Amino acid sequence: MKTIVNQTFDQERALYGVDGVVLESCKFDGPADGESALKEGKNILAKGCYFNLRYPLWHDDGVVIQDSHMTELCRAALWYTRDISIQKSKLHGIKALRECENIHIDGCDVNSVEFGWFCKNVSIKDSTIAGEYFALKSANLKLDNVNFKGKYSFQYVTDSVIENCNLDTKDAFWHAKNVVVRNCTVKGEYLAWYAENLTFENCTIIGTQPLCYCKGLKLVNCKMVDCDLAFERSEVEADIHSHVVSIKNVTSGLVTVDSVGEVIVDEPFAQGTVIVRL
């Protein structure tokens, strides 16, 4: 592995096609404003680096980023790249991760609109994430101890597990399929419409009109706060240990609650059962 220390790169494709390099305290910045510094590279380790130019890591294999900073100007930082590990770093550019696979993110601060689109095999833990449309159409996600804030997250996500997270989000999990959310707080409006085989375990769900038009929906030992018009046109099995403001036109299944303000049944298809615990 070649080691490069304390150097600045601003030329177009400055390290194009590099295979086996350690970058320590390097900067990708400068008046030439060059793009794609590390495109088509392999076996890249960046430690304490500063990325301030566009498209630095496209079509790469084997990338480790540690204690580094990707600024707001570092647009679309990692695309079409495999086998990525990002640790204790800041990812602050728009569209930071797309069409990538085998990704591990640990202890990072992510502020990136359209982050993580069309990715596969993504593990994120002990991190904060902000941005709209997080993880659109991605598969095999594993999140643990993540604080997320932003609208339209997890849409069309499949085959994923989300644990011990705080999700402050709107229109989340729309069209999601085969997803488990466990030990999480999920706050936001219009949660998980059109989802299929979505399970919430030991979660607190907050916000209006959640979980409508779902198939194979399960809630296990959950709480609901300020939830009205819940479960409309959904197939659901739900065990809720709290009050629910209102439940509307459950297509099929059983909803068990501690108490409910109103159960609305005004459509012939609504054959679901709502039971209040004694």
Protein backbone atom coordinates (compact mmCIF):
# COMPACT_ATOMS: atom_id res chain seq x y z
CA MET A 1 0.00 0.00 0.00
CA LYS A 2 1.39 3.37 -1.03
CA THR A 3 1.04 6.06 1.67
CA ILE A 4 0.36 9.72 0.83
CA VAL A 5 0.46 12.22 3.70
CA ASN A 6 -0.62 15.89 3.92
CA GLN A 7 -1.07 16.44 0.21
CA THR A 8 -3.73 18.48 -1.58
CA PHE A 9 -5.37 17.34 -4.83
CA ASP A 10 -7.55 19.58 -6.98
CA GLN A 11 -7.01 18.22 -10.49
CA GLU A 12 -9.60 16.27 -12.49
CA ARG A 13 -9.22 12.51 -11.75
CA ALA A 14 -6.16 13.24 -9.64
CA LEU A 15 -5.74 9.63 -8.46
CA TYR A 16 -7.76 7.87 -11.14
CA GLY A 17 -7.53 4.08 -11.08
CA VAL A 18 -5.27 3.89 -8.04
CA ASP A 19 -4.92 0.41 -6.51
CA GLY A 20 -3.69 0.25 -2.93
CA VAL A 21 -3.26 3.63 -1.26
CA VAL A 22 -3.37 5.09 2.25
CA LEU A 23 -4.30 8.76 2.31
CA GLU A 24 -3.48 10.46 5.61
CA SER A 25 -4.61 14.05 6.32
CA CYS A 26 -5.02 14.78 2.63
CA LYS A 27 -7.28 17.40 1.05
CA PHE A 28 -9.34 17.20 -2.11
CA ASP A 29 -9.79 20.89 -2.64
CA GLY A 30 -8.40 23.81 -4.59
CA PRO A 31 -8.73 26.24 -7.49
CA ALA A 32 -8.65 23.62 -10.28
CA ASP A 33 -11.96 22.34 -8.88
CA GLY A 34 -11.40 18.89 -10.40
CA GLU A 35 -13.96 16.11 -10.17
CA SER A 36 -13.72 12.33 -9.69
CA ALA A 37 -10.42 12.27 -7.80
CA LEU A 38 -10.43 8.56 -6.91
CA LYS A 39 -12.66 7.15 -9.64
CA GLU A 40 -12.21 3.49 -10.69
CA GLY A 41 -9.87 2.81 -7.76
CA LYS A 42 -9.36 -0.19 -5.46
CA ASN A 43 -8.22 -0.73 -1.87
CA ILE A 44 -8.37 2.87 -0.70
CA LEU A 45 -7.94 3.95 2.92
CA ALA A 46 -8.59 7.61 3.73
CA LYS A 47 -7.79 8.77 7.28
CA GLY A 48 -8.40 12.29 8.50
CA CYS A 49 -9.07 13.54 4.98
CA TYR A 50 -11.03 16.56 3.74
CA PHE A 51 -13.22 16.14 0.67
CA ASN A 52 -14.49 19.40 -0.80
CA LEU A 53 -14.86 18.45 -4.49
CA ARG A 54 -17.48 16.53 -6.44
CA TYR A 55 -17.78 12.79 -7.18
CA PRO A 56 -14.59 11.58 -5.46
CA LEU A 57 -15.37 7.86 -5.12
CA TRP A 58 -17.20 6.41 -8.11
CA HIS A 59 -16.86 2.84 -9.37
CA ASP A 60 -14.44 1.84 -6.61
CA ASP A 61 -13.89 -1.49 -4.81
CA GLY A 62 -12.76 -1.62 -1.21
CA VAL A 63 -12.98 1.82 0.40
CA VAL A 64 -12.33 2.66 4.07
CA ILE A 65 -12.95 6.21 5.28
CA GLN A 66 -12.02 7.15 8.86
CA ASP A 67 -12.28 10.45 10.76
CA SER A 68 -12.86 12.37 7.55
CA HIS A 69 -15.08 15.22 6.40
CA MET A 70 -17.10 15.37 3.21
CA THR A 71 -18.41 18.93 2.93
CA GLU A 72 -21.58 20.33 1.37
CA LEU A 73 -19.59 20.82 -1.84
CA CYS A 74 -18.63 17.14 -1.94
CA ARG A 75 -21.64 16.24 -4.06
CA ALA A 76 -22.53 12.62 -4.86
CA ALA A 77 -19.47 11.31 -3.06
CA LEU A 78 -19.86 7.53 -3.40
CA TRP A 79 -21.69 6.05 -6.38
CA TYR A 80 -21.47 2.57 -7.93
CA THR A 81 -18.96 1.50 -5.27
CA ARG A 82 -18.64 -1.82 -3.42
CA ASP A 83 -17.30 -2.85 -0.01
CA ILE A 84 -17.34 0.45 1.85
CA SER A 85 -16.56 1.14 5.52
CA ILE A 86 -17.11 4.67 6.85
CA GLN A 87 -16.21 5.38 10.48
CA LYS A 88 -16.45 8.52 12.63
CA SER A 89 -16.85 10.79 9.64
CA LYS A 90 -19.07 13.63 8.43
CA LEU A 91 -21.01 13.11 5.20
CA HIS A 92 -22.58 16.47 4.42
CA GLY A 93 -22.91 16.54 0.63
CA ILE A 94 -26.12 15.89 -1.27
CA LYS A 95 -26.66 12.36 -2.67
CA ALA A 96 -23.68 10.99 -0.77
CA LEU A 97 -24.34 7.31 -1.42
CA ARG A 98 -26.08 5.74 -4.42
CA GLU A 99 -26.13 2.41 -6.26
CA CYS A 100 -23.58 1.03 -3.78
CA GLU A 101 -23.43 -2.31 -1.94
CA ASN A 102 -21.82 -3.88 1.11
CA ILE A 103 -21.68 -0.72 3.19
CA HIS A 104 -20.83 -0.30 6.89
CA ILE A 105 -21.34 3.09 8.54
CA ASP A 106 -20.40 3.50 12.20
CA GLY A 107 -20.37 6.60 14.40
CA CYS A 108 -21.03 9.04 11.57
CA ASP A 109 -22.84 12.35 11.14
CA VAL A 110 -24.80 12.31 7.89
CA ASN A 111 -26.60 15.39 6.56
CA SER A 112 -27.44 14.52 2.99
CA VAL A 113 -30.60 14.86 0.93
CA GLU A 114 -31.28 11.76 -1.18
CA PHE A 115 -28.81 9.68 0.80
CA GLY A 116 -28.51 5.95 0.26
CA TRP A 117 -30.67 5.42 -2.83
CA PHE A 118 -30.77 2.04 -4.59
CA CYS A 119 -28.18 0.47 -2.26
CA LYS A 120 -27.83 -3.13 -1.05
CA ASN A 121 -26.50 -4.62 2.18
CA VAL A 122 -26.21 -1.49 4.31
CA SER A 123 -25.32 -1.52 8.02
CA ILE A 124 -25.55 1.74 9.97
CA LYS A 125 -25.02 2.03 13.72
CA ASP A 126 -24.44 4.68 16.36
CA SER A 127 -25.00 7.49 13.85
CA THR A 128 -27.13 10.55 13.18
CA ILE A 129 -28.77 11.07 9.80
CA ALA A 130 -30.69 14.04 8.40
CA GLY A 131 -32.16 14.39 4.93
CA GLU A 132 -35.15 13.78 2.72
CA TYR A 133 -35.87 10.54 0.88
CA PHE A 134 -33.35 8.53 2.91
CA ALA A 135 -32.68 4.99 1.60
CA LEU A 136 -35.14 5.09 -1.31
CA LYS A 137 -35.51 1.64 -2.91
CA SER A 138 -32.66 0.12 -0.92
CA ALA A 139 -32.53 -3.48 0.30
CA ASN A 140 -31.08 -5.42 3.22
CA LEU A 141 -30.67 -2.49 5.59
CA LYS A 142 -29.63 -2.99 9.21
CA LEU A 143 -29.87 0.08 11.43
CA ASP A 144 -29.00 0.09 15.14
CA ASN A 145 -28.98 3.15 17.40
CA VAL A 146 -29.57 5.68 14.65
CA ASN A 147 -31.20 9.08 15.18
CA PHE A 148 -32.91 10.09 11.96
CA LYS A 149 -34.72 13.29 11.01
CA GLY A 150 -36.25 13.98 7.61
CA LYS A 151 -39.26 13.39 5.40
CA TYR A 152 -40.07 10.52 3.03
CA SER A 153 -37.64 7.98 4.50
CA PHE A 154 -37.44 4.24 3.80
CA GLN A 155 -39.80 4.36 0.82
CA TYR A 156 -39.79 1.11 -1.18
CA VAL A 157 -37.22 -0.40 1.21
CA THR A 158 -37.19 -4.22 1.33
CA ASP A 159 -35.86 -7.01 3.57
CA SER A 160 -34.56 -4.79 6.36
CA VAL A 161 -34.28 -4.62 10.16
CA ILE A 162 -34.30 -1.34 12.11
CA GLU A 163 -33.60 -1.50 15.85
CA ASN A 164 -33.15 0.91 18.77
CA CYS A 165 -33.65 3.96 16.58
CA ASN A 166 -35.40 7.30 16.91
CA LEU A 167 -37.11 8.19 13.63
CA ASP A 168 -38.60 11.67 13.28
CA THR A 169 -40.05 11.42 9.81
CA LYS A 170 -43.09 11.86 7.60
CA ASP A 171 -44.47 9.50 4.95
CA ALA A 172 -41.95 6.89 6.06
CA PHE A 173 -41.94 3.26 4.89
CA TRP A 174 -44.37 3.83 2.02
CA HIS A 175 -44.46 0.67 -0.11
CA ALA A 176 -41.88 -0.97 2.19
CA LYS A 177 -41.83 -4.77 2.06
CA ASN A 178 -40.55 -7.38 4.50
CA VAL A 179 -39.28 -4.93 7.13
CA VAL A 180 -39.02 -5.29 10.92
CA VAL A 181 -38.87 -2.19 13.14
CA ARG A 182 -37.94 -3.10 16.71
CA ASN A 183 -37.54 -1.05 19.92
CA CYS A 184 -37.93 2.24 18.07
CA THR A 185 -39.80 5.51 18.40
CA VAL A 186 -41.36 6.50 15.10
CA LYS A 187 -42.82 10.00 14.89
CA GLY A 188 -44.52 11.42 11.82
CA GLU A 189 -47.62 11.69 9.71
CA TYR A 190 -49.01 9.06 7.32
CA LEU A 191 -46.70 6.25 8.41
CA ALA A 192 -46.15 3.27 6.12
CA TRP A 193 -49.02 3.49 3.70
CA TYR A 194 -49.12 0.67 1.13
CA ALA A 195 -46.52 -1.39 3.03
CA GLU A 196 -46.47 -5.19 2.87
CA ASN A 197 -45.27 -7.57 5.59
CA LEU A 198 -44.18 -4.74 7.88
CA THR A 199 -43.75 -5.55 11.58
CA PHE A 200 -43.36 -3.18 14.53
CA GLU A 201 -42.16 -4.75 17.80
CA ASN A 202 -41.97 -2.84 21.11
CA CYS A 203 -42.31 0.48 19.31
CA THR A 204 -43.94 3.82 20.05
CA ILE A 205 -45.75 5.24 17.04
CA ILE A 206 -46.69 8.94 17.06
CA GLY A 207 -48.75 10.89 14.53
CA THR A 208 -51.88 11.13 12.44
CA GLN A 209 -53.30 8.54 10.02
CA PRO A 210 -50.72 5.79 10.37
CA LEU A 211 -50.57 2.39 8.73
CA CYS A 212 -53.22 2.59 6.03
CA TYR A 213 -53.59 0.41 2.92
CA CYS A 214 -51.19 -2.18 4.38
CA LYS A 215 -51.02 -5.93 3.81
CA GLY A 216 -49.60 -8.36 6.34
CA LEU A 217 -49.12 -5.62 8.95
CA LYS A 218 -48.19 -6.63 12.52
CA LEU A 219 -47.81 -4.60 15.70
CA VAL A 220 -46.42 -6.48 18.70
CA ASN A 221 -46.49 -4.83 22.14
CA CYS A 222 -46.60 -1.31 20.75
CA LYS A 223 -47.84 2.08 21.94
CA MET A 224 -49.60 4.68 19.81
CA VAL A 225 -49.70 8.41 20.62
CA ASP A 226 -51.95 10.97 18.90
CA CYS A 227 -52.87 8.39 16.27
CA ASP A 228 -56.21 8.98 14.58
CA LEU A 229 -57.85 7.27 11.60
CA ALA A 230 -55.40 4.40 11.99
CA PHE A 231 -55.33 1.20 9.91
CA GLU A 232 -57.74 2.34 7.20
CA ARG A 233 -58.03 -0.38 4.51
CA SER A 234 -55.30 -2.46 6.16
CA GLU A 235 -54.91 -6.16 6.85
CA VAL A 236 -53.52 -6.08 10.38
CA GLU A 237 -52.80 -8.01 13.57
CA ALA A 238 -52.05 -5.46 16.29
CA ASP A 239 -51.40 -5.63 20.04
CA ILE A 240 -51.44 -2.03 21.27
CA HIS A 241 -50.84 -1.13 24.92
CA SER A 242 -52.13 2.44 24.87
CA HIS A 243 -55.04 4.64 23.87
CA VAL A 244 -55.75 5.16 20.17
CA VAL A 245 -57.64 8.28 19.11
CA SER A 246 -59.56 6.55 16.32
CA ILE A 247 -59.45 3.44 14.15
CA LYS A 248 -61.09 3.47 10.74
CA ASN A 249 -62.32 0.74 8.38
CA VAL A 250 -59.91 -2.10 9.09
CA THR A 251 -60.13 -4.47 6.13
CA SER A 252 -59.32 -7.65 8.07
CA GLY A 253 -57.57 -8.96 11.17
CA LEU A 254 -57.63 -8.11 14.86
CA VAL A 255 -56.65 -4.92 16.66
CA THR A 256 -56.44 -5.13 20.47
CA VAL A 257 -56.09 -1.85 22.37
CA ASP A 258 -56.18 -0.54 25.93
CA SER A 259 -58.75 2.06 24.88
CA VAL A 260 -59.98 3.81 21.75
CA GLY A 261 -61.77 7.11 21.26
CA GLU A 262 -63.73 6.02 18.17
CA VAL A 263 -64.02 3.01 15.91
CA ILE A 264 -65.29 4.03 12.47
CA VAL A 265 -66.90 1.37 10.31
CA ASP A 266 -68.72 2.88 7.35
CA GLU A 267 -67.63 0.70 4.43
CA PRO A 268 -68.78 -2.86 3.63
CA PHE A 269 -65.22 -4.15 3.10
CA ALA A 270 -64.29 -3.29 6.73
CA GLN A 271 -64.42 -6.76 8.29
CA GLY A 272 -61.61 -6.33 10.84
CA THR A 273 -62.21 -6.65 14.57
CA VAL A 274 -61.29 -4.13 17.26
CA ILE A 275 -61.18 -5.36 20.86
CA VAL A 276 -60.71 -3.15 23.93
CA ARG A 277 -59.04 -4.86 26.89
CA LEU A 278 -61.13 -5.09 30.04
